[in-house]
C-alpha atoms as a PDB file:
ATOM      1  CA  MET A   1       0.000   0.000   0.000  1.00  0.00           C
ATOM      2  CA  LYS A   2       1.487   3.312  -1.091  1.00  0.00           C
ATOM      3  CA  THR A   3      -1.072   5.583   0.574  1.00  0.00           C
ATOM      4  CA  VAL A   4       0.078   6.725   3.996  1.00  0.00           C
ATOM      5  CA  LEU A   5      -2.381   5.897   6.751  1.00  0.00           C
ATOM      6  CA  GLU A   6      -3.518   8.659   9.057  1.00  0.00           C
ATOM      7  CA  VAL A   7      -2.776   8.567  12.782  1.00  0.00           C
ATOM      8  CA  GLY A   8      -4.924   5.847  14.356  1.00  0.00           C
ATOM      9  CA  GLU A   9      -6.146   4.532  10.987  1.00  0.00           C
ATOM     10  CA  LYS A  10      -5.866   0.767  10.513  1.00  0.00           C
ATOM     11  CA  LEU A  11      -6.147  -1.533   7.515  1.00  0.00           C
ATOM     12  CA  VAL A  12      -9.316  -3.668   7.694  1.00  0.00           C
ATOM     13  CA  LYS A  13      -9.482  -5.430   4.322  1.00  0.00           C
ATOM     14  CA  LYS A  14      -7.789  -5.550   0.916  1.00  0.00           C
ATOM     15  CA  SER A  15      -8.489  -7.294  -2.369  1.00  0.00           C
ATOM     16  CA  PRO A  16      -7.570  -7.191  -6.048  1.00  0.00           C
ATOM     17  CA  ALA A  17     -10.177  -5.082  -7.850  1.00  0.00           C
ATOM     18  CA  ASN A  18     -10.875  -3.040 -10.941  1.00  0.00           C
ATOM     19  CA  HIS A  19     -12.134   0.520 -10.854  1.00  0.00           C
ATOM     20  CA  GLN A  20     -14.504   1.307 -13.706  1.00  0.00           C
ATOM     21  CA  ARG A  21     -13.383   4.627 -15.218  1.00  0.00           C
ATOM     22  CA  GLY A  22     -15.434   5.289 -18.327  1.00  0.00           C
ATOM     23  CA  ILE A  23     -15.045   2.287 -20.601  1.00  0.00           C
ATOM     24  CA  GLU A  24     -11.708   1.321 -19.040  1.00  0.00           C
ATOM     25  CA  SER A  25     -11.598  -1.124 -16.184  1.00  0.00           C
ATOM     26  CA  VAL A  26      -8.482  -0.053 -14.257  1.00  0.00           C
ATOM     27  CA  GLY A  27      -6.752  -2.887 -12.399  1.00  0.00           C
ATOM     28  CA  GLY A  28      -5.376  -2.460  -8.909  1.00  0.00           C
ATOM     29  CA  ILE A  29      -5.944  -3.114  -5.230  1.00  0.00           C
ATOM     30  CA  LEU A  30      -8.897  -1.944  -3.137  1.00  0.00           C
ATOM     31  CA  TYR A  31      -8.176  -1.250   0.531  1.00  0.00           C
ATOM     32  CA  LEU A  32     -10.613  -0.642   3.346  1.00  0.00           C
ATOM     33  CA  THR A  33      -9.286   1.150   6.393  1.00  0.00           C
ATOM     34  CA  THR A  34     -11.075   2.309   9.510  1.00  0.00           C
ATOM     35  CA  ALA A  35     -11.467   5.738   7.858  1.00  0.00           C
ATOM     36  CA  ARG A  36     -11.287   5.372   4.063  1.00  0.00           C
ATOM     37  CA  LEU A  37     -11.870   3.238   0.998  1.00  0.00           C
ATOM     38  CA  ILE A  38      -8.695   3.460  -1.104  1.00  0.00           C
ATOM     39  CA  PHE A  39      -8.132   2.169  -4.643  1.00  0.00           C
ATOM     40  CA  GLU A  40      -4.549   2.130  -5.936  1.00  0.00           C
ATOM     41  CA  SER A  41      -4.107   1.269  -9.615  1.00  0.00           C
ATOM     42  CA  HIS A  42      -1.339  -0.878 -11.045  1.00  0.00           C
ATOM     43  CA  ALA A  43       1.283   1.022 -13.035  1.00  0.00           C
ATOM     44  CA  LEU A  44       0.479  -0.899 -16.245  1.00  0.00           C
ATOM     45  CA  ASN A  45      -2.923   0.757 -16.776  1.00  0.00           C
ATOM     46  CA  ILE A  46      -3.599   3.605 -19.211  1.00  0.00           C
ATOM     47  CA  GLN A  47      -5.324   5.507 -16.395  1.00  0.00           C
ATOM     48  CA  THR A  48      -3.382   5.291 -13.155  1.00  0.00           C
ATOM     49  CA  GLY A  49      -3.653   6.867  -9.749  1.00  0.00           C
ATOM     50  CA  VAL A  50      -5.374   6.638  -6.411  1.00  0.00           C
ATOM     51  CA  THR A  51      -9.054   7.063  -5.596  1.00  0.00           C
ATOM     52  CA  ILE A  52      -9.976   7.762  -1.965  1.00  0.00           C
ATOM     53  CA  VAL A  53     -13.461   7.856  -0.484  1.00  0.00           C
ATOM     54  CA  SER A  54     -13.863   8.747   3.179  1.00  0.00           C
ATOM     55  CA  ILE A  55     -16.100   6.299   5.061  1.00  0.00           C
ATOM     56  CA  SER A  56     -18.024   9.250   6.488  1.00  0.00           C
ATOM     57  CA  GLU A  57     -18.752  10.475   2.919  1.00  0.00           C
ATOM     58  CA  ILE A  58     -20.256   7.165   1.763  1.00  0.00           C
ATOM     59  CA  TYR A  59     -23.978   7.682   1.295  1.00  0.00           C
ATOM     60  CA  ARG A  60     -24.961   4.416  -0.369  1.00  0.00           C
ATOM     61  CA  LEU A  61     -23.537   1.002  -1.274  1.00  0.00           C
ATOM     62  CA  ARG A  62     -25.162  -0.997  -4.053  1.00  0.00           C
ATOM     63  CA  LYS A  63     -24.560  -4.342  -5.724  1.00  0.00           C
ATOM     64  CA  ASP A  64     -24.323  -3.832  -9.464  1.00  0.00           C
ATOM     65  CA  TRP A  65     -23.378  -5.566 -12.712  1.00  0.00           C
ATOM     66  CA  THR A  66     -20.133  -5.313 -14.633  1.00  0.00           C
ATOM     67  CA  LYS A  67     -21.157  -4.017 -18.043  1.00  0.00           C
ATOM     68  CA  PHE A  68     -19.480  -4.565 -21.385  1.00  0.00           C
ATOM     69  CA  LEU A  69     -18.854  -1.151 -22.984  1.00  0.00           C
ATOM     70  CA  GLY A  70     -20.754   0.332 -20.040  1.00  0.00           C
ATOM     71  CA  VAL A  71     -24.069  -1.001 -21.383  1.00  0.00           C
ATOM     72  CA  ILE A  72     -24.415  -4.795 -21.627  1.00  0.00           C
ATOM     73  CA  PRO A  73     -24.592  -6.551 -18.200  1.00  0.00           C
ATOM     74  CA  ILE A  74     -22.167  -9.482 -18.125  1.00  0.00           C
ATOM     75  CA  PHE A  75     -21.442 -10.383 -14.486  1.00  0.00           C
ATOM     76  CA  PRO A  76     -22.916  -9.409 -11.078  1.00  0.00           C
ATOM     77  CA  ASN A  77     -19.678  -8.519  -9.289  1.00  0.00           C
ATOM     78  CA  THR A  78     -19.603  -4.715  -9.051  1.00  0.00           C
ATOM     79  CA  LEU A  79     -19.855  -2.642  -5.890  1.00  0.00           C
ATOM     80  CA  THR A  80     -21.152   0.873  -6.570  1.00  0.00           C
ATOM     81  CA  VAL A  81     -20.178   3.412  -3.905  1.00  0.00           C
ATOM     82  CA  THR A  82     -22.152   6.661  -3.926  1.00  0.00           C
ATOM     83  CA  SER A  83     -20.771   9.597  -1.941  1.00  0.00           C
ATOM     84  CA  SER A  84     -22.913  12.208  -0.223  1.00  0.00           C
ATOM     85  CA  SER A  85     -22.112  14.571  -3.147  1.00  0.00           C
ATOM     86  CA  GLY A  86     -23.706  12.081  -5.560  1.00  0.00           C
ATOM     87  CA  HIS A  87     -20.438  10.917  -7.189  1.00  0.00           C
ATOM     88  CA  GLU A  88     -20.353   7.188  -7.993  1.00  0.00           C
ATOM     89  CA  ASP A  89     -17.330   4.901  -7.997  1.00  0.00           C
ATOM     90  CA  LYS A  90     -17.722   1.377  -9.355  1.00  0.00           C
ATOM     91  CA  PHE A  91     -15.369  -1.327  -8.093  1.00  0.00           C
ATOM     92  CA  ILE A  92     -15.351  -4.755  -9.710  1.00  0.00           C
ATOM     93  CA  LEU A  93     -14.395  -7.404  -7.190  1.00  0.00           C
ATOM     94  CA  PHE A  94     -15.313 -10.858  -6.031  1.00  0.00           C
ATOM     95  CA  ARG A  95     -17.161 -11.361  -2.739  1.00  0.00           C
ATOM     96  CA  ARG A  96     -18.623  -7.871  -2.609  1.00  0.00           C
ATOM     97  CA  THR A  97     -21.120  -8.737   0.163  1.00  0.00           C
ATOM     98  CA  PRO A  98     -18.379  -9.005   2.840  1.00  0.00           C
ATOM     99  CA  TRP A  99     -17.085  -5.610   1.648  1.00  0.00           C
ATOM    100  CA  ILE A 100     -20.532  -4.077   2.048  1.00  0.00           C
ATOM    101  CA  ASN A 101     -20.873  -5.604   5.519  1.00  0.00           C
ATOM    102  CA  GLU A 102     -17.456  -4.320   6.653  1.00  0.00           C
ATOM    103  CA  ILE A 103     -18.100  -0.803   5.325  1.00  0.00           C
ATOM    104  CA  ASN A 104     -21.516  -0.694   6.989  1.00  0.00           C
ATOM    105  CA  LYS A 105     -19.938  -1.760  10.313  1.00  0.00           C
ATOM    106  CA  LEU A 106     -17.480   1.138  10.050  1.00  0.00           C
ATOM    107  CA  LYS A 107     -20.287   3.588   9.246  1.00  0.00           C
ATOM    108  CA  GLU A 108     -22.197   2.692  12.447  1.00  0.00           C
END
């Protein structure tokens, strides 16, 4: 993990994942800490970088479908995270239900 944790912040969960950015599915690692959801892309992607969503900013979590070309549903393995500002991040990962449960525990 390249992102520096804040004082008192602890890693809760991590998993390989893809972050849907337009029509590109960016490969990387998704981390859940006690304060943030952090996606760090692999260096081999066209679009690289880090996406951070504060747990306190998460408004809604929804199970979704991975879509071919953003339109045709192909597999039910996407976790859509909606922030309180209305911005959506879509993370493609296996076993999304445990992720939802862990995030909801942190939000309580």
